[in-house]
């Protein structure tokens, strides 16, 4: 083998190793129940042309390029690239937020969450005030705080987990999302923050900020879901699947 071919072969191998797992997943498992559910745990990546073989009573929900898809056994299902549904909803959820009004007014409600009274966000770039874990946000995008029970007015406190300045925020009635108070407490990459309702200070949630490069954020739902999982942003992965489940299917 010539030196030039050796260099090209090595470069090709490096590119294959560097290829993100998000690009390799044709679909990602959201949830599964039934006799063979153990074979399809949440977060399992399903490559292109992979077969999902189910028994009677199995139900597996996957996130593909366009959105969620429910597979019911018995039967065999191929994860191919023939996605006929509109992918626009996934692209909408992946956009960077710049207007808190879009969070307040654009929520959806429905059966996907199992509770018709639960409000779901219209974008995934928000931090759930009731859940611990990482929170992903594209660099340069505003970050918003989210609450699922939005009927009444409430007040919450936000601070860094290690201490420091505390910011009191008001949630108006029927408001699910508010802008992060960045002028008083700017969110910092890699920092962990603590938030709690002032009536229940013992039920605080802590989340760590993970910054993503905007050009690395895909509009492909499966790739976006994998990116969130790879960065530990599990709550946002769940939101992505739940909101896309509200979009009419095939």
Protein backbone atom coordinates (compact mmCIF):
# COMPACT_ATOMS: atom_id res chain seq x y z
CA UNK A 1 0.00 0.00 0.00
CA UNK A 2 1.36 3.42 -0.95
CA UNK A 3 1.89 6.13 1.65
CA UNK A 4 -0.95 8.18 0.10
CA UNK A 5 -3.41 5.28 0.37
CA UNK A 6 -2.33 4.62 3.94
CA UNK A 7 -2.99 8.25 4.86
CA UNK A 8 -6.41 8.20 3.16
CA UNK A 9 -7.34 4.93 4.86
CA UNK A 10 -6.34 6.31 8.25
CA UNK A 11 -8.32 9.49 7.62
CA UNK A 12 -11.36 7.45 6.66
CA UNK A 13 -11.08 5.40 9.83
CA UNK A 14 -10.84 8.54 11.94
CA UNK A 15 -13.92 10.01 10.24
CA UNK A 16 -15.84 6.83 10.95
CA UNK A 17 -14.88 6.97 14.62
CA UNK A 18 -15.68 10.66 14.85
CA UNK A 19 -19.10 10.28 13.23
CA UNK A 20 -21.64 11.22 15.94
CA UNK A 21 -23.96 8.50 17.16
CA UNK A 22 -26.89 10.79 16.34
CA UNK A 23 -26.10 10.34 12.65
CA UNK A 24 -26.11 6.56 12.96
CA UNK A 25 -29.51 6.18 14.62
CA UNK A 26 -32.48 5.63 12.34
CA UNK A 27 -34.72 5.60 15.43
CA UNK A 28 -34.46 5.78 19.23
CA UNK A 29 -36.65 3.87 21.69
CA UNK A 30 -38.80 6.14 23.85
CA UNK A 31 -40.63 3.47 25.88
CA UNK A 32 -41.56 -0.19 25.70
CA UNK A 33 -43.90 -2.61 27.43
CA UNK A 34 -44.69 -6.28 27.00
CA UNK A 35 -42.93 -9.65 26.98
CA UNK A 36 -39.89 -8.50 24.97
CA UNK A 37 -39.64 -4.96 26.37
CA UNK A 38 -36.28 -5.85 27.92
CA UNK A 39 -34.85 -6.04 24.39
CA UNK A 40 -35.82 -2.43 23.68
CA UNK A 41 -34.94 -0.25 26.69
CA UNK A 42 -35.45 3.51 26.64
CA UNK A 43 -32.67 5.21 24.70
CA UNK A 44 -31.73 2.16 22.61
CA UNK A 45 -30.46 3.25 19.19
CA UNK A 46 -31.86 1.40 16.20
CA UNK A 47 -29.65 1.68 13.09
CA UNK A 48 -30.98 1.91 9.56
CA UNK A 49 -32.69 -1.28 8.37
CA UNK A 50 -32.75 -2.74 11.88
CA UNK A 51 -35.71 -5.03 12.55
CA UNK A 52 -37.84 -4.71 15.67
CA UNK A 53 -39.36 -8.11 16.35
CA UNK A 54 -42.31 -8.04 18.75
CA UNK A 55 -44.52 -10.65 20.37
CA UNK A 56 -48.22 -10.37 21.09
CA UNK A 57 -48.77 -7.76 23.80
CA UNK A 58 -45.60 -5.80 23.00
CA UNK A 59 -45.83 -2.05 22.46
CA UNK A 60 -42.68 -0.11 21.56
CA UNK A 61 -42.65 3.65 20.91
CA UNK A 62 -39.72 4.92 18.84
CA UNK A 63 -38.57 8.37 17.79
CA UNK A 64 -37.72 8.37 14.08
CA UNK A 65 -36.75 11.18 11.72
CA UNK A 66 -40.22 12.72 11.66
CA UNK A 67 -41.50 12.04 15.14
CA UNK A 68 -42.89 9.26 17.29
CA UNK A 69 -44.07 5.92 15.94
CA UNK A 70 -45.88 3.22 17.93
CA UNK A 71 -45.08 -0.41 17.06
CA UNK A 72 -47.45 -3.12 18.31
CA UNK A 73 -46.82 -6.87 18.24
CA UNK A 74 -46.90 -9.48 17.13
CA UNK A 75 -44.86 -8.58 14.07
CA UNK A 76 -41.57 -7.41 12.62
CA UNK A 77 -40.90 -3.75 11.80
CA UNK A 78 -37.98 -2.43 9.73
CA UNK A 79 -36.41 0.90 10.65
CA UNK A 80 -35.90 2.23 7.12
CA UNK A 81 -35.62 5.75 5.72
CA UNK A 82 -39.12 5.77 4.22
CA UNK A 83 -40.64 8.34 6.56
CA UNK A 84 -43.79 9.78 5.00
CA UNK A 85 -44.82 12.11 7.81
CA UNK A 86 -44.13 15.83 7.95
CA UNK A 87 -40.78 16.59 9.60
CA UNK A 88 -41.61 20.24 10.13
CA UNK A 89 -42.73 19.71 13.74
CA UNK A 90 -39.31 18.39 14.77
CA UNK A 91 -37.59 21.35 13.11
CA UNK A 92 -39.92 23.72 14.97
CA UNK A 93 -39.05 22.15 18.32
CA UNK A 94 -35.33 22.41 17.54
CA UNK A 95 -35.41 26.13 16.85
CA UNK A 96 -33.77 28.54 19.27
CA UNK A 97 -36.21 30.49 21.43
CA UNK A 98 -36.12 34.25 21.44
CA UNK A 99 -39.59 35.20 22.64
CA UNK A 100 -41.04 34.02 25.97
CA UNK A 101 -44.55 34.65 24.64
CA UNK A 102 -44.12 31.64 22.37
CA UNK A 103 -43.67 29.50 25.47
CA UNK A 104 -46.71 30.93 27.23
CA UNK A 105 -49.15 30.78 24.34
CA UNK A 106 -48.04 27.85 22.23
CA UNK A 107 -48.30 24.88 24.55
CA UNK A 108 -50.27 21.78 23.64
CA UNK A 109 -52.36 19.46 25.74
CA UNK A 110 -53.33 15.89 25.08
CA UNK A 111 -53.35 12.19 25.47
CA UNK A 112 -49.66 11.63 24.75
CA UNK A 113 -48.80 12.65 28.30
CA UNK A 114 -51.58 10.47 29.69
CA UNK A 115 -53.29 13.50 31.20
CA UNK A 116 -55.35 15.93 29.08
CA UNK A 117 -54.72 18.69 31.65
CA UNK A 118 -50.93 18.52 31.39
CA UNK A 119 -49.37 21.33 29.36
CA UNK A 120 -46.47 20.40 27.08
CA UNK A 121 -43.84 22.86 25.80
CA UNK A 122 -43.56 24.03 22.18
CA UNK A 123 -39.77 23.90 22.27
CA UNK A 124 -37.25 21.69 24.00
CA UNK A 125 -34.82 24.45 25.02
CA UNK A 126 -36.31 24.93 28.47
CA UNK A 127 -35.57 23.74 31.99
CA UNK A 128 -38.29 21.85 33.86
CA UNK A 129 -38.49 23.34 37.34
CA UNK A 130 -39.60 19.99 38.76
CA UNK A 131 -36.84 17.76 37.38
CA UNK A 132 -33.15 17.27 38.14
CA UNK A 133 -30.54 16.65 35.46
CA UNK A 134 -28.77 18.32 32.57
CA UNK A 135 -30.42 21.03 30.50
CA UNK A 136 -29.24 21.50 26.92
CA UNK A 137 -29.40 24.87 25.18
CA UNK A 138 -27.87 26.08 21.89
CA UNK A 139 -25.12 28.65 22.31
CA UNK A 140 -26.59 32.12 21.91
CA UNK A 141 -30.17 31.02 22.52
CA UNK A 142 -32.25 32.24 25.42
CA UNK A 143 -33.15 29.71 28.10
CA UNK A 144 -36.62 29.43 29.61
CA UNK A 145 -37.99 27.90 32.77
CA UNK A 146 -41.02 25.62 32.60
CA UNK A 147 -43.74 24.42 34.96
CA UNK A 148 -46.37 21.82 34.06
CA UNK A 149 -49.05 23.13 36.44
CA UNK A 150 -49.72 26.64 35.24
CA UNK A 151 -53.18 27.51 36.56
CA UNK A 152 -52.27 29.62 39.60
CA UNK A 153 -49.77 32.37 40.30
CA UNK A 154 -46.66 31.23 42.13
CA UNK A 155 -43.19 32.39 43.15
CA UNK A 156 -39.93 30.50 42.84
CA UNK A 157 -36.34 31.08 43.92
CA UNK A 158 -33.36 30.46 41.64
CA UNK A 159 -29.71 30.31 42.66
CA UNK A 160 -26.47 28.48 41.95
CA UNK A 161 -26.24 25.21 43.82
CA UNK A 162 -22.97 26.28 45.43
CA UNK A 163 -24.61 29.40 46.80
CA UNK A 164 -24.59 33.06 45.89
CA UNK A 165 -27.25 35.49 44.73
CA UNK A 166 -30.87 34.30 44.89
CA UNK A 167 -33.48 35.57 42.45
CA UNK A 168 -37.21 35.55 43.20
CA UNK A 169 -39.42 35.06 40.14
CA UNK A 170 -43.16 35.45 39.68
CA UNK A 171 -45.23 33.10 37.52
CA UNK A 172 -48.50 34.76 36.43
CA UNK A 173 -51.65 32.63 36.30
CA UNK A 174 -51.96 30.36 33.23
CA UNK A 175 -48.29 30.89 32.39
CA UNK A 176 -46.25 27.74 31.74
CA UNK A 177 -42.92 29.32 30.81
CA UNK A 178 -40.93 32.40 31.78
CA UNK A 179 -37.58 33.72 30.63
CA UNK A 180 -34.50 32.93 32.69
CA UNK A 181 -33.64 36.13 34.66
CA UNK A 182 -30.28 36.51 32.90
CA UNK A 183 -29.80 40.15 33.86
CA UNK A 184 -29.77 39.14 37.53
CA UNK A 185 -28.30 35.65 37.28
CA UNK A 186 -26.81 34.78 33.90
CA UNK A 187 -26.82 31.03 33.14
CA UNK A 188 -23.26 29.76 32.79
CA UNK A 189 -22.12 26.72 30.84
CA UNK A 190 -21.28 23.81 33.13
CA UNK A 191 -22.78 25.45 36.22
CA UNK A 192 -25.48 23.76 38.33
CA UNK A 193 -28.52 25.74 39.48
CA UNK A 194 -31.14 25.13 42.14
CA UNK A 195 -34.80 26.17 41.88
CA UNK A 196 -37.77 25.69 44.19
CA UNK A 197 -41.26 26.99 44.84
CA UNK A 198 -41.21 29.25 47.88
CA UNK A 199 -44.10 27.30 49.45
CA UNK A 200 -42.13 24.01 49.24
CA UNK A 201 -38.42 24.84 49.66
CA UNK A 202 -37.68 21.20 50.51
CA UNK A 203 -38.66 20.12 46.98
CA UNK A 204 -35.91 21.78 44.99
CA UNK A 205 -34.72 20.72 41.54
CA UNK A 206 -31.12 21.03 40.39
CA UNK A 207 -29.96 21.17 36.80
CA UNK A 208 -26.65 21.66 35.02
CA UNK A 209 -26.36 23.81 31.89
CA UNK A 210 -24.98 22.04 28.79
CA UNK A 211 -24.25 24.33 25.85
CA UNK A 212 -24.60 22.98 22.31
CA UNK A 213 -23.16 24.53 19.16
CA UNK A 214 -26.11 25.68 16.99
CA UNK A 215 -24.72 24.07 13.84
CA UNK A 216 -24.65 20.71 15.65
CA UNK A 217 -28.38 20.79 16.42
CA UNK A 218 -30.27 18.68 13.83
CA UNK A 219 -33.89 19.05 12.76
CA UNK A 220 -34.11 15.27 12.32
CA UNK A 221 -36.12 14.09 15.35
CA UNK A 222 -34.18 10.83 15.88
CA UNK A 223 -30.82 12.60 15.62
CA UNK A 224 -32.02 15.39 17.90
CA UNK A 225 -33.25 12.88 20.47
CA UNK A 226 -29.92 11.06 20.39
CA UNK A 227 -28.03 14.33 20.82
CA UNK A 228 -30.08 15.11 23.93
CA UNK A 229 -29.51 11.65 25.40
CA UNK A 230 -25.77 11.78 24.68
CA UNK A 231 -25.57 15.02 26.67
CA UNK A 232 -27.64 13.71 29.57
CA UNK A 233 -30.65 15.94 28.82
CA UNK A 234 -33.21 13.20 29.50
CA UNK A 235 -36.15 15.44 30.41
CA UNK A 236 -35.84 17.27 27.10
CA UNK A 237 -35.71 13.94 25.25
CA UNK A 238 -39.00 13.02 26.93
CA UNK A 239 -40.51 16.38 25.99
CA UNK A 240 -39.45 15.94 22.38
CA UNK A 241 -41.17 12.56 22.16
CA UNK A 242 -44.30 13.71 24.01
CA UNK A 243 -44.84 16.83 21.91
CA UNK A 244 -44.21 15.03 18.61
CA UNK A 245 -46.74 12.39 19.69
CA UNK A 246 -49.36 15.18 19.61
CA UNK A 247 -48.69 15.74 15.89
CA UNK A 248 -51.02 13.75 13.58
CA UNK A 249 -49.30 10.59 12.39
CA UNK A 250 -49.13 8.77 9.09
